[in-house]
């Protein structure tokens, strides 16, 4: 079974918050953090920026589920 991690797309040290999180499988999260861009794109068919760009959508879904925004 693949565990899902809250992958921070922008570190807290760089000004990131809970709004900068994308759910990724444990291995995709590890690869996102450690792989060079080209290898990540080859393996997953997406750029790291395209993954980062999904954070606002996940935050919006989270807010709707909890009755916010």
Protein backbone atom coordinates (compact mmCIF):
# COMPACT_ATOMS: atom_id res chain seq x y z
CA UNK A 1 0.00 0.00 0.00
CA UNK A 2 1.36 3.40 -0.98
CA UNK A 3 1.39 6.00 1.79
CA UNK A 4 0.37 9.54 0.93
CA UNK A 5 2.51 12.38 2.23
CA UNK A 6 1.83 16.09 2.50
CA UNK A 7 4.59 17.33 0.23
CA UNK A 8 5.50 20.95 0.88
CA UNK A 9 6.00 22.73 -2.43
CA UNK A 10 7.55 25.71 -0.67
CA UNK A 11 9.43 25.17 2.55
CA UNK A 12 8.37 26.99 5.70
CA UNK A 13 11.82 28.59 5.76
CA UNK A 14 11.12 30.04 2.32
CA UNK A 15 7.76 31.42 3.45
CA UNK A 16 5.62 28.37 2.64
CA UNK A 17 2.57 27.39 4.66
CA UNK A 18 -0.19 24.80 4.71
CA UNK A 19 -1.46 26.34 1.48
CA UNK A 20 1.65 25.04 -0.35
CA UNK A 21 0.99 21.32 0.09
CA UNK A 22 0.38 18.65 -2.55
CA UNK A 23 -0.45 15.04 -1.62
CA UNK A 24 2.15 12.71 -3.13
CA UNK A 25 2.88 9.04 -2.70
CA UNK A 26 5.89 8.33 -0.51
CA UNK A 27 8.19 7.51 -3.43
CA UNK A 28 7.00 10.40 -5.61
CA UNK A 29 7.63 12.74 -2.66
CA UNK A 30 11.14 11.36 -2.19
CA UNK A 31 11.82 11.66 -5.93
CA UNK A 32 10.40 15.20 -5.99
CA UNK A 33 12.80 16.23 -3.24
CA UNK A 34 15.88 14.37 -4.46
CA UNK A 35 15.77 13.80 -8.23
CA UNK A 36 17.10 16.25 -10.77
CA UNK A 37 14.34 17.92 -12.77
CA UNK A 38 15.07 15.99 -15.97
CA UNK A 39 14.94 12.57 -14.31
CA UNK A 40 11.74 13.46 -12.45
CA UNK A 41 10.08 14.59 -15.67
CA UNK A 42 11.21 11.45 -17.49
CA UNK A 43 9.85 9.17 -14.75
CA UNK A 44 6.55 10.97 -14.04
CA UNK A 45 5.85 12.77 -17.32
CA UNK A 46 5.49 16.08 -15.48
CA UNK A 47 7.76 18.90 -14.47
CA UNK A 48 8.23 19.77 -10.83
CA UNK A 49 6.70 23.18 -11.56
CA UNK A 50 3.55 21.51 -12.90
CA UNK A 51 3.26 19.61 -9.62
CA UNK A 52 3.85 22.80 -7.59
CA UNK A 53 1.14 24.55 -9.61
CA UNK A 54 -1.49 22.12 -8.27
CA UNK A 55 -1.07 23.28 -4.65
CA UNK A 56 -3.75 26.02 -4.86
CA UNK A 57 -6.31 23.51 -6.16
CA UNK A 58 -5.65 21.11 -3.29
CA UNK A 59 -5.87 23.96 -0.80
CA UNK A 60 -9.22 25.03 -2.30
CA UNK A 61 -10.60 21.49 -1.98
CA UNK A 62 -9.38 21.29 1.62
CA UNK A 63 -11.04 24.61 2.49
CA UNK A 64 -14.36 23.51 0.94
CA UNK A 65 -14.28 20.21 2.80
CA UNK A 66 -13.73 21.86 6.14
CA UNK A 67 -16.43 24.48 5.49
CA UNK A 68 -14.12 27.42 4.85
CA UNK A 69 -13.86 29.75 1.85
